[in-house]
PDB file of N, CA and C in Angstrom:
ATOM      1  N   MET A   1    -104.804-112.140  24.478  1.00  0.00           N
ATOM      2  CA  MET A   1    -106.010-112.001  23.687  1.00  0.00           C
ATOM      3  C   MET A   1    -106.968-111.068  24.416  1.00  0.00           C
ATOM      4  N   THR A   2    -107.572-110.195  23.666  1.00  0.00           N
ATOM      5  CA  THR A   2    -108.468-109.197  24.255  1.00  0.00           C
ATOM      6  C   THR A   2    -109.908-109.710  24.302  1.00  0.00           C
ATOM      7  N   ASP A   3    -110.696-109.137  25.198  1.00  0.00           N
ATOM      8  CA  ASP A   3    -112.104-109.489  25.329  1.00  0.00           C
ATOM      9  C   ASP A   3    -112.983-108.653  24.414  1.00  0.00           C
ATOM     10  N   ARG A   4    -112.363-107.785  23.646  1.00  0.00           N
ATOM     11  CA  ARG A   4    -113.144-106.909  22.762  1.00  0.00           C
ATOM     12  C   ARG A   4    -113.546-107.675  21.501  1.00  0.00           C
ATOM     13  N   PRO A   5    -114.705-107.343  20.946  1.00  0.00           N
ATOM     14  CA  PRO A   5    -115.121-108.009  19.710  1.00  0.00           C
ATOM     15  C   PRO A   5    -114.266-107.528  18.549  1.00  0.00           C
ATOM     16  N   PRO A   6    -114.290-108.213  17.429  1.00  0.00           N
ATOM     17  CA  PRO A   6    -113.523-107.765  16.278  1.00  0.00           C
ATOM     18  C   PRO A   6    -114.055-106.433  15.782  1.00  0.00           C
ATOM     19  N   SER A   7    -113.232-105.722  15.073  1.00  0.00           N
ATOM     20  CA  SER A   7    -113.633-104.431  14.548  1.00  0.00           C
ATOM     21  C   SER A   7    -114.756-104.583  13.539  1.00  0.00           C
ATOM     22  N   PRO A   8    -115.696-103.640  13.540  1.00  0.00           N
ATOM     23  CA  PRO A   8    -116.750-103.691  12.526  1.00  0.00           C
ATOM     24  C   PRO A   8    -116.121-103.428  11.155  1.00  0.00           C
ATOM     25  N   PRO A   9    -116.822-103.764  10.075  1.00  0.00           N
ATOM     26  CA  PRO A   9    -116.249-103.597   8.744  1.00  0.00           C
ATOM     27  C   PRO A   9    -115.738-102.182   8.458  1.00  0.00           C
ATOM     28  N   THR A  10    -116.471-101.168   8.865  1.00  0.00           N
ATOM     29  CA  THR A  10    -116.030 -99.788   8.657  1.00  0.00           C
ATOM     30  C   THR A  10    -116.113 -99.057   9.970  1.00  0.00           C
ATOM     31  N   PRO A  11    -115.053 -99.130  10.822  1.00  0.00           N
ATOM     32  CA  PRO A  11    -115.117 -98.469  12.128  1.00  0.00           C
ATOM     33  C   PRO A  11    -115.298 -96.967  11.983  1.00  0.00           C
ATOM     34  N   THR A  12    -116.247 -96.462  12.742  1.00  0.00           N
ATOM     35  CA  THR A  12    -116.522 -95.028  12.742  1.00  0.00           C
ATOM     36  C   THR A  12    -116.823 -94.600  14.155  1.00  0.00           C
ATOM     37  N   ALA A  13    -116.666 -93.337  14.421  1.00  0.00           N
ATOM     38  CA  ALA A  13    -117.053 -92.818  15.727  1.00  0.00           C
ATOM     39  C   ALA A  13    -118.562 -92.712  15.751  1.00  0.00           C
ATOM     40  N   GLY A  14    -119.169 -93.357  16.734  1.00  0.00           N
ATOM     41  CA  GLY A  14    -120.616 -93.381  16.831  1.00  0.00           C
ATOM     42  C   GLY A  14    -121.151 -92.169  17.578  1.00  0.00           C
ATOM     43  N   PRO A  15    -122.439 -91.987  17.592  1.00  0.00           N
ATOM     44  CA  PRO A  15    -123.055 -90.877  18.298  1.00  0.00           C
ATOM     45  C   PRO A  15    -122.991 -91.102  19.799  1.00  0.00           C
ATOM     46  N   ALA A  16    -123.193 -90.059  20.552  1.00  0.00           N
ATOM     47  CA  ALA A  16    -123.149 -90.172  22.004  1.00  0.00           C
ATOM     48  C   ALA A  16    -124.522 -89.931  22.614  1.00  0.00           C
ATOM     49  N   ILE A  17    -125.578 -90.259  21.895  1.00  0.00           N
ATOM     50  CA  ILE A  17    -126.945 -90.027  22.362  1.00  0.00           C
ATOM     51  C   ILE A  17    -127.695 -91.347  22.380  1.00  0.00           C
ATOM     52  N   ALA A  18    -128.333 -91.671  23.512  1.00  0.00           N
ATOM     53  CA  ALA A  18    -129.093 -92.927  23.612  1.00  0.00           C
ATOM     54  C   ALA A  18    -130.273 -92.901  22.645  1.00  0.00           C
ATOM     55  N   ASP A  19    -130.638 -94.093  22.172  1.00  0.00           N
ATOM     56  CA  ASP A  19    -131.781 -94.264  21.283  1.00  0.00           C
ATOM     57  C   ASP A  19    -131.683 -93.440  20.014  1.00  0.00           C
ATOM     58  N   THR A  20    -130.464 -93.199  19.577  1.00  0.00           N
ATOM     59  CA  THR A  20    -130.230 -92.530  18.315  1.00  0.00           C
ATOM     60  C   THR A  20    -130.339 -93.577  17.227  1.00  0.00           C
ATOM     61  N   THR A  21    -130.615 -93.173  16.024  1.00  0.00           N
ATOM     62  CA  THR A  21    -130.658 -94.151  14.947  1.00  0.00           C
ATOM     63  C   THR A  21    -129.476 -93.966  14.015  1.00  0.00           C
ATOM     64  N   ILE A  22    -128.907 -95.073  13.606  1.00  0.00           N
ATOM     65  CA  ILE A  22    -127.911 -95.091  12.546  1.00  0.00           C
ATOM     66  C   ILE A  22    -128.570 -95.897  11.440  1.00  0.00           C
ATOM     67  N   GLU A  23    -128.870 -95.229  10.331  1.00  0.00           N
ATOM     68  CA  GLU A  23    -129.535 -95.896   9.221  1.00  0.00           C
ATOM     69  C   GLU A  23    -130.783 -96.648   9.679  1.00  0.00           C
ATOM     70  N   GLY A  24    -131.602 -96.013  10.511  1.00  0.00           N
ATOM     71  CA  GLY A  24    -132.840 -96.614  10.970  1.00  0.00           C
ATOM     72  C   GLY A  24    -132.695 -97.606  12.099  1.00  0.00           C
ATOM     73  N   ARG A  25    -131.524 -97.754  12.682  1.00  0.00           N
ATOM     74  CA  ARG A  25    -131.269 -98.714  13.749  1.00  0.00           C
ATOM     75  C   ARG A  25    -131.309 -98.005  15.101  1.00  0.00           C
ATOM     76  N   ILE A  26    -131.664 -98.723  16.152  1.00  0.00           N
ATOM     77  CA  ILE A  26    -131.680 -98.184  17.517  1.00  0.00           C
ATOM     78  C   ILE A  26    -130.335 -98.506  18.144  1.00  0.00           C
ATOM     79  N   VAL A  27    -129.600 -97.490  18.533  1.00  0.00           N
ATOM     80  CA  VAL A  27    -128.270 -97.690  19.095  1.00  0.00           C
ATOM     81  C   VAL A  27    -128.098 -96.913  20.400  1.00  0.00           C
ATOM     82  N   ALA A  28    -127.185 -97.402  21.243  1.00  0.00           N
ATOM     83  CA  ALA A  28    -126.851 -96.729  22.499  1.00  0.00           C
ATOM     84  C   ALA A  28    -125.486 -97.226  22.965  1.00  0.00           C
ATOM     85  N   THR A  29    -124.821 -96.432  23.764  1.00  0.00           N
ATOM     86  CA  THR A  29    -123.541 -96.845  24.339  1.00  0.00           C
ATOM     87  C   THR A  29    -123.790 -97.672  25.598  1.00  0.00           C
ATOM     88  N   THR A  30    -122.744 -98.361  26.055  1.00  0.00           N
ATOM     89  CA  THR A  30    -122.856 -99.156  27.282  1.00  0.00           C
ATOM     90  C   THR A  30    -123.295 -98.288  28.450  1.00  0.00           C
ATOM     91  N   SER A  31    -122.675 -97.125  28.584  1.00  0.00           N
ATOM     92  CA  SER A  31    -123.019 -96.260  29.715  1.00  0.00           C
ATOM     93  C   SER A  31    -124.452 -95.731  29.610  1.00  0.00           C
ATOM     94  N   GLN A  32    -124.923 -95.473  28.414  1.00  0.00           N
ATOM     95  CA  GLN A  32    -126.299 -95.029  28.228  1.00  0.00           C
ATOM     96  C   GLN A  32    -127.284 -96.134  28.586  1.00  0.00           C
ATOM     97  N   LEU A  33    -126.958 -97.373  28.199  1.00  0.00           N
ATOM     98  CA  LEU A  33    -127.805 -98.500  28.547  1.00  0.00           C
ATOM     99  C   LEU A  33    -127.846 -98.714  30.056  1.00  0.00           C
ATOM    100  N   ALA A  34    -126.683 -98.636  30.705  1.00  0.00           N
ATOM    101  CA  ALA A  34    -126.619 -98.809  32.154  1.00  0.00           C
ATOM    102  C   ALA A  34    -127.430 -97.719  32.857  1.00  0.00           C
ATOM    103  N   ALA A  35    -127.321 -96.473  32.389  1.00  0.00           N
ATOM    104  CA  ALA A  35    -128.072 -95.370  32.980  1.00  0.00           C
ATOM    105  C   ALA A  35    -129.576 -95.557  32.775  1.00  0.00           C
ATOM    106  N   SER A  36    -129.962 -96.053  31.604  1.00  0.00           N
ATOM    107  CA  SER A  36    -131.384 -96.294  31.331  1.00  0.00           C
ATOM    108  C   SER A  36    -131.944 -97.389  32.234  1.00  0.00           C
ATOM    109  N   ILE A  37    -131.176 -98.449  32.441  1.00  0.00           N
ATOM    110  CA  ILE A  37    -131.612 -99.527  33.341  1.00  0.00           C
ATOM    111  C   ILE A  37    -131.719 -99.010  34.765  1.00  0.00           C
ATOM    112  N   GLU A  38    -130.738 -98.213  35.185  1.00  0.00           N
ATOM    113  CA  GLU A  38    -130.792 -97.648  36.544  1.00  0.00           C
ATOM    114  C   GLU A  38    -132.021 -96.762  36.717  1.00  0.00           C
ATOM    115  N   GLU A  39    -132.307 -95.945  35.711  1.00  0.00           N
ATOM    116  CA  GLU A  39    -133.459 -95.052  35.795  1.00  0.00           C
ATOM    117  C   GLU A  39    -134.776 -95.839  35.785  1.00  0.00           C
ATOM    118  N   SER A  40    -134.857 -96.849  34.926  1.00  0.00           N
ATOM    119  CA  SER A  40    -136.105 -97.623  34.780  1.00  0.00           C
ATOM    120  C   SER A  40    -136.349 -98.582  35.918  1.00  0.00           C
ATOM    121  N   LEU A  41    -135.293 -99.293  36.353  1.00  0.00           N
ATOM    122  CA  LEU A  41    -135.461-100.356  37.337  1.00  0.00           C
ATOM    123  C   LEU A  41    -134.959 -99.995  38.732  1.00  0.00           C
ATOM    124  N   GLY A  42    -134.234 -98.907  38.826  1.00  0.00           N
ATOM    125  CA  GLY A  42    -133.720 -98.496  40.123  1.00  0.00           C
ATOM    126  C   GLY A  42    -132.554 -99.331  40.635  1.00  0.00           C
ATOM    127  N   CYS A  43    -131.901-100.074  39.741  1.00  0.00           N
ATOM    128  CA  CYS A  43    -130.716-100.834  40.174  1.00  0.00           C
ATOM    129  C   CYS A  43    -129.507-100.362  39.390  1.00  0.00           C
ATOM    130  N   ARG A  44    -128.413-100.202  40.114  1.00  0.00           N
ATOM    131  CA  ARG A  44    -127.187 -99.710  39.501  1.00  0.00           C
ATOM    132  C   ARG A  44    -126.337-100.875  39.019  1.00  0.00           C
ATOM    133  N   LEU A  45    -125.837-100.797  37.803  1.00  0.00           N
ATOM    134  CA  LEU A  45    -125.014-101.842  37.222  1.00  0.00           C
ATOM    135  C   LEU A  45    -123.541-101.435  37.223  1.00  0.00           C
ATOM    136  N   ASP A  46    -122.678-102.403  37.455  1.00  0.00           N
ATOM    137  CA  ASP A  46    -121.246-102.190  37.274  1.00  0.00           C
ATOM    138  C   ASP A  46    -121.027-102.189  35.767  1.00  0.00           C
ATOM    139  N   GLU A  47    -120.624-101.048  35.205  1.00  0.00           N
ATOM    140  CA  GLU A  47    -120.542-100.927  33.750  1.00  0.00           C
ATOM    141  C   GLU A  47    -119.564-101.923  33.125  1.00  0.00           C
ATOM    142  N   SER A  48    -118.465-102.238  33.808  1.00  0.00           N
ATOM    143  CA  SER A  48    -117.512-103.186  33.230  1.00  0.00           C
ATOM    144  C   SER A  48    -118.118-104.589  33.162  1.00  0.00           C
ATOM    145  N   VAL A  49    -118.880-104.970  34.179  1.00  0.00           N
ATOM    146  CA  VAL A  49    -119.557-106.275  34.174  1.00  0.00           C
ATOM    147  C   VAL A  49    -120.656-106.280  33.111  1.00  0.00           C
ATOM    148  N   PHE A  50    -121.395-105.188  33.023  1.00  0.00           N
ATOM    149  CA  PHE A  50    -122.462-105.064  32.027  1.00  0.00           C
ATOM    150  C   PHE A  50    -121.887-105.127  30.614  1.00  0.00           C
ATOM    151  N   GLU A  51    -120.744-104.461  30.403  1.00  0.00           N
ATOM    152  CA  GLU A  51    -120.106-104.496  29.085  1.00  0.00           C
ATOM    153  C   GLU A  51    -119.647-105.905  28.737  1.00  0.00           C
ATOM    154  N   THR A  52    -119.161-106.646  29.719  1.00  0.00           N
ATOM    155  CA  THR A  52    -118.775-108.049  29.499  1.00  0.00           C
ATOM    156  C   THR A  52    -119.994-108.859  29.071  1.00  0.00           C
ATOM    157  N   LEU A  53    -121.135-108.635  29.717  1.00  0.00           N
ATOM    158  CA  LEU A  53    -122.377-109.306  29.338  1.00  0.00           C
ATOM    159  C   LEU A  53    -122.767-108.943  27.908  1.00  0.00           C
ATOM    160  N   LEU A  54    -122.690-107.666  27.559  1.00  0.00           N
ATOM    161  CA  LEU A  54    -123.030-107.224  26.207  1.00  0.00           C
ATOM    162  C   LEU A  54    -122.099-107.843  25.167  1.00  0.00           C
ATOM    163  N   LEU A  55    -120.806-107.960  25.497  1.00  0.00           N
ATOM    164  CA  LEU A  55    -119.864-108.597  24.579  1.00  0.00           C
ATOM    165  C   LEU A  55    -120.230-110.052  24.338  1.00  0.00           C
ATOM    166  N   GLU A  56    -120.639-110.734  25.405  1.00  0.00           N
ATOM    167  CA  GLU A  56    -121.049-112.141  25.268  1.00  0.00           C
ATOM    168  C   GLU A  56    -122.333-112.236  24.443  1.00  0.00           C
ATOM    169  N   LEU A  57    -123.264-111.324  24.666  1.00  0.00           N
ATOM    170  CA  LEU A  57    -124.486-111.302  23.856  1.00  0.00           C
ATOM    171  C   LEU A  57    -124.160-111.038  22.395  1.00  0.00           C
ATOM    172  N   ASP A  58    -123.158-110.179  22.141  1.00  0.00           N
ATOM    173  CA  ASP A  58    -122.723-109.910  20.785  1.00  0.00           C
ATOM    174  C   ASP A  58    -122.139-111.167  20.134  1.00  0.00           C
ATOM    175  N   ARG A  59    -121.332-111.907  20.873  1.00  0.00           N
ATOM    176  CA  ARG A  59    -120.716-113.130  20.334  1.00  0.00           C
ATOM    177  C   ARG A  59    -121.768-114.163  19.925  1.00  0.00           C
ATOM    178  N   HIS A  60    -122.902-114.149  20.591  1.00  0.00           N
ATOM    179  CA  HIS A  60    -123.950-115.111  20.298  1.00  0.00           C
ATOM    180  C   HIS A  60    -125.056-114.541  19.401  1.00  0.00           C
ATOM    181  N   GLY A  61    -124.877-113.313  18.930  1.00  0.00           N
ATOM    182  CA  GLY A  61    -125.800-112.737  17.961  1.00  0.00           C
ATOM    183  C   GLY A  61    -127.055-112.106  18.510  1.00  0.00           C
ATOM    184  N   TYR A  62    -127.085-111.779  19.797  1.00  0.00           N
ATOM    185  CA  TYR A  62    -128.292-111.176  20.376  1.00  0.00           C
ATOM    186  C   TYR A  62    -128.292-109.652  20.290  1.00  0.00           C
ATOM    187  N   VAL A  63    -127.124-109.033  20.331  1.00  0.00           N
ATOM    188  CA  VAL A  63    -126.960-107.605  20.111  1.00  0.00           C
ATOM    189  C   VAL A  63    -125.821-107.462  19.106  1.00  0.00           C
ATOM    190  N   GLU A  64    -125.624-106.263  18.606  1.00  0.00           N
ATOM    191  CA  GLU A  64    -124.557-106.071  17.624  1.00  0.00           C
ATOM    192  C   GLU A  64    -123.725-104.849  17.993  1.00  0.00           C
ATOM    193  N   TRP A  65    -122.439-105.075  18.107  1.00  0.00           N
ATOM    194  CA  TRP A  65    -121.499-103.977  18.343  1.00  0.00           C
ATOM    195  C   TRP A  65    -121.219-103.312  17.014  1.00  0.00           C
ATOM    196  N   VAL A  66    -121.447-101.977  16.913  1.00  0.00           N
ATOM    197  CA  VAL A  66    -121.318-101.315  15.627  1.00  0.00           C
ATOM    198  C   VAL A  66    -120.162-100.334  15.525  1.00  0.00           C
ATOM    199  N   SER A  67    -119.758 -99.722  16.636  1.00  0.00           N
ATOM    200  CA  SER A  67    -118.646 -98.778  16.586  1.00  0.00           C
ATOM    201  C   SER A  67    -118.206 -98.409  18.001  1.00  0.00           C
ATOM    202  N   ILE A  68    -117.214 -97.547  18.036  1.00  0.00           N
ATOM    203  CA  ILE A  68    -116.732 -97.005  19.305  1.00  0.00           C
ATOM    204  C   ILE A  68    -116.759 -95.492  19.180  1.00  0.00           C
ATOM    205  N   THR A  69    -117.234 -94.821  20.237  1.00  0.00           N
ATOM    206  CA  THR A  69    -117.296 -93.358  20.220  1.00  0.00           C
ATOM    207  C   THR A  69    -115.885 -92.767  20.330  1.00  0.00           C
ATOM    208  N   GLY A  70    -115.785 -91.495  20.161  1.00  0.00           N
ATOM    209  CA  GLY A  70    -114.513 -90.812  20.301  1.00  0.00           C
ATOM    210  C   GLY A  70    -113.941 -90.927  21.707  1.00  0.00           C
ATOM    211  N   THR A  71    -114.788 -91.212  22.696  1.00  0.00           N
ATOM    212  CA  THR A  71    -114.326 -91.363  24.077  1.00  0.00           C
ATOM    213  C   THR A  71    -114.075 -92.825  24.443  1.00  0.00           C
ATOM    214  N   GLY A  72    -114.200 -93.735  23.462  1.00  0.00           N
ATOM    215  CA  GLY A  72    -113.905 -95.144  23.712  1.00  0.00           C
ATOM    216  C   GLY A  72    -115.078 -95.992  24.174  1.00  0.00           C
ATOM    217  N   ASP A  73    -116.292 -95.452  24.154  1.00  0.00           N
ATOM    218  CA  ASP A  73    -117.482 -96.222  24.538  1.00  0.00           C
ATOM    219  C   ASP A  73    -117.963 -97.056  23.362  1.00  0.00           C
ATOM    220  N   TYR A  74    -118.355 -98.294  23.660  1.00  0.00           N
ATOM    221  CA  TYR A  74    -118.963 -99.128  22.618  1.00  0.00           C
ATOM    222  C   TYR A  74    -120.334 -98.585  22.257  1.00  0.00           C
ATOM    223  N   VAL A  75    -120.701 -98.689  20.995  1.00  0.00           N
ATOM    224  CA  VAL A  75    -122.036 -98.353  20.530  1.00  0.00           C
ATOM    225  C   VAL A  75    -122.678 -99.669  20.101  1.00  0.00           C
ATOM    226  N   TRP A  76    -123.844 -99.959  20.683  1.00  0.00           N
ATOM    227  CA  TRP A  76    -124.543-101.223  20.454  1.00  0.00           C
ATOM    228  C   TRP A  76    -125.783-100.994  19.635  1.00  0.00           C
ATOM    229  N   ASP A  77    -126.028-101.885  18.666  1.00  0.00           N
ATOM    230  CA  ASP A  77    -127.264-101.873  17.889  1.00  0.00           C
ATOM    231  C   ASP A  77    -128.238-102.821  18.589  1.00  0.00           C
ATOM    232  N   LEU A  78    -129.327-102.268  19.073  1.00  0.00           N
ATOM    233  CA  LEU A  78    -130.312-103.038  19.841  1.00  0.00           C
ATOM    234  C   LEU A  78    -131.614-103.239  19.085  1.00  0.00           C
ATOM    235  N   SER A  79    -131.610-102.930  17.797  1.00  0.00           N
ATOM    236  CA  SER A  79    -132.839-102.931  17.019  1.00  0.00           C
ATOM    237  C   SER A  79    -133.630-104.221  17.098  1.00  0.00           C
ATOM    238  N   ASP A  80    -132.971-105.350  16.983  1.00  0.00           N
ATOM    239  CA  ASP A  80    -133.662-106.647  17.002  1.00  0.00           C
ATOM    240  C   ASP A  80    -133.357-107.455  18.269  1.00  0.00           C
ATOM    241  N   ALA A  81    -132.697-106.838  19.231  1.00  0.00           N
ATOM    242  CA  ALA A  81    -132.245-107.560  20.424  1.00  0.00           C
ATOM    243  C   ALA A  81    -133.393-108.204  21.196  1.00  0.00           C
ATOM    244  N   SER A  82    -134.478-107.489  21.383  1.00  0.00           N
ATOM    245  CA  SER A  82    -135.580-108.048  22.175  1.00  0.00           C
ATOM    246  C   SER A  82    -136.176-109.281  21.508  1.00  0.00           C
ATOM    247  N   ASP A  83    -136.331-109.251  20.190  1.00  0.00           N
ATOM    248  CA  ASP A  83    -136.841-110.423  19.470  1.00  0.00           C
ATOM    249  C   ASP A  83    -135.870-111.591  19.547  1.00  0.00           C
ATOM    250  N   ARG A  84    -134.578-111.305  19.355  1.00  0.00           N
ATOM    251  CA  ARG A  84    -133.570-112.372  19.392  1.00  0.00           C
ATOM    252  C   ARG A  84    -133.482-113.019  20.776  1.00  0.00           C
ATOM    253  N   ILE A  85    -133.470-112.191  21.812  1.00  0.00           N
ATOM    254  CA  ILE A  85    -133.382-112.717  23.177  1.00  0.00           C
ATOM    255  C   ILE A  85    -134.669-113.444  23.535  1.00  0.00           C
ATOM    256  N   GLY A  86    -135.813-112.891  23.165  1.00  0.00           N
ATOM    257  CA  GLY A  86    -137.090-113.547  23.430  1.00  0.00           C
ATOM    258  C   GLY A  86    -137.179-114.910  22.757  1.00  0.00           C
ATOM    259  N   ASP A  87    -136.713-115.001  21.515  1.00  0.00           N
ATOM    260  CA  ASP A  87    -136.711-116.281  20.813  1.00  0.00           C
ATOM    261  C   ASP A  87    -135.824-117.302  21.513  1.00  0.00           C
ATOM    262  N   ALA A  88    -134.661-116.859  21.979  1.00  0.00           N
ATOM    263  CA  ALA A  88    -133.744-117.769  22.681  1.00  0.00           C
ATOM    264  C   ALA A  88    -134.364-118.274  23.984  1.00  0.00           C
ATOM    265  N   ILE A  89    -135.027-117.389  24.698  1.00  0.00           N
ATOM    266  CA  ILE A  89    -135.687-117.789  25.951  1.00  0.00           C
ATOM    267  C   ILE A  89    -136.808-118.776  25.647  1.00  0.00           C
ATOM    268  N   ALA A  90    -137.595-118.492  24.626  1.00  0.00           N
ATOM    269  CA  ALA A  90    -138.694-119.395  24.259  1.00  0.00           C
ATOM    270  C   ALA A  90    -138.161-120.775  23.881  1.00  0.00           C
ATOM    271  N   ARG A  91    -137.083-120.840  23.099  1.00  0.00           N
ATOM    272  CA  ARG A  91    -136.497-122.134  22.735  1.00  0.00           C
ATOM    273  C   ARG A  91    -136.023-122.893  23.962  1.00  0.00           C
ATOM    274  N   ALA A  92    -135.405-122.181  24.918  1.00  0.00           N
ATOM    275  CA  ALA A  92    -134.914-122.829  26.134  1.00  0.00           C
ATOM    276  C   ALA A  92    -136.069-123.353  26.978  1.00  0.00           C
ATOM    277  N   VAL A  93    -137.146-122.587  27.089  1.00  0.00           N
ATOM    278  CA  VAL A  93    -138.316-123.030  27.860  1.00  0.00           C
ATOM    279  C   VAL A  93    -138.955-124.260  27.198  1.00  0.00           C
ATOM    280  N   VAL A  94    -139.107-124.232  25.875  1.00  0.00           N
ATOM    281  CA  VAL A  94    -139.689-125.367  25.166  1.00  0.00           C
ATOM    282  C   VAL A  94    -138.823-126.607  25.351  1.00  0.00           C
ATOM    283  N   ALA A  95    -137.518-126.466  25.247  1.00  0.00           N
ATOM    284  CA  ALA A  95    -136.619-127.612  25.428  1.00  0.00           C
ATOM    285  C   ALA A  95    -136.748-128.187  26.832  1.00  0.00           C
ATOM    286  N   ARG A  96    -136.840-127.325  27.830  1.00  0.00           N
ATOM    287  CA  ARG A  96    -137.009-127.776  29.218  1.00  0.00           C
ATOM    288  C   ARG A  96    -138.328-128.510  29.395  1.00  0.00           C
ATOM    289  N   LEU A  97    -139.416-127.948  28.838  1.00  0.00           N
ATOM    290  CA  LEU A  97    -140.720-128.582  28.945  1.00  0.00           C
ATOM    291  C   LEU A  97    -140.739-129.934  28.236  1.00  0.00           C
ATOM    292  N   GLU A  98    -140.144-130.022  27.055  1.00  0.00           N
ATOM    293  CA  GLU A  98    -140.085-131.296  26.343  1.00  0.00           C
ATOM    294  C   GLU A  98    -139.322-132.331  27.162  1.00  0.00           C
ATOM    295  N   SER A  99    -138.219-131.924  27.742  1.00  0.00           N
ATOM    296  CA  SER A  99    -137.417-132.828  28.564  1.00  0.00           C
ATOM    297  C   SER A  99    -138.225-133.303  29.766  1.00  0.00           C
ATOM    298  N   TRP A 100    -138.929-132.390  30.395  1.00  0.00           N
ATOM    299  CA  TRP A 100    -139.749-132.721  31.569  1.00  0.00           C
ATOM    300  C   TRP A 100    -140.886-133.676  31.177  1.00  0.00           C
ATOM    301  N   LEU A 101    -141.553-133.391  30.053  1.00  0.00           N
ATOM    302  CA  LEU A 101    -142.638-134.245  29.595  1.00  0.00           C
ATOM    303  C   LEU A 101    -142.136-135.638  29.216  1.00  0.00           C
ATOM    304  N   GLU A 102    -140.987-135.721  28.575  1.00  0.00           N
ATOM    305  CA  GLU A 102    -140.414-137.019  28.217  1.00  0.00           C
ATOM    306  C   GLU A 102    -140.065-137.820  29.479  1.00  0.00           C
ATOM    307  N   GLY A 103    -139.565-137.122  30.491  1.00  0.00           N
ATOM    308  CA  GLY A 103    -139.231-137.777  31.765  1.00  0.00           C
ATOM    309  C   GLY A 103    -140.469-138.278  32.488  1.00  0.00           C
ATOM    310  N   ASN A 104    -141.580-137.545  32.418  1.00  0.00           N
ATOM    311  CA  ASN A 104    -142.837-137.953  33.048  1.00  0.00           C
ATOM    312  C   ASN A 104    -143.534-139.043  32.280  1.00  0.00           C
ATOM    313  N   ALA A 105    -143.359-139.092  30.971  1.00  0.00           N
ATOM    314  CA  ALA A 105    -144.009-140.132  30.156  1.00  0.00           C
ATOM    315  C   ALA A 105    -143.415-141.503  30.428  1.00  0.00           C
ATOM    316  N   ALA A 106    -142.173-141.545  30.861  1.00  0.00           N
ATOM    317  CA  ALA A 106    -141.506-142.820  31.132  1.00  0.00           C
ATOM    318  C   ALA A 106    -141.975-143.431  32.454  1.00  0.00           C
ATOM    319  N   GLU A 107    -142.608-142.641  33.293  1.00  0.00           N
ATOM    320  CA  GLU A 107    -143.018-143.140  34.617  1.00  0.00           C
ATOM    321  C   GLU A 107    -144.286-143.919  34.591  1.00  0.00           C
TER     322      GLU A 107
END
């Protein structure tokens, strides 16, 4: 079994330019995202590990894999990723706080 996500409904070769739009969506390849993080934060990512993380985020609905470029790079739709990830973090923090408050109320 492969670690790759299922094929999108209509597989197409995606663009090779970061922050390009496909039908109004913000998209980038794994290597473009890794380069952007390196440039912005000054830390270098192992692209294969980063791609594994992106695949897991795709499985849970935080990013969306839309196509593969002619060179085999994944193209990711990041349009709503920050909102989706932020919401997940907020839910996790609230759940932790509720658990902590319930534990303190029993004392």
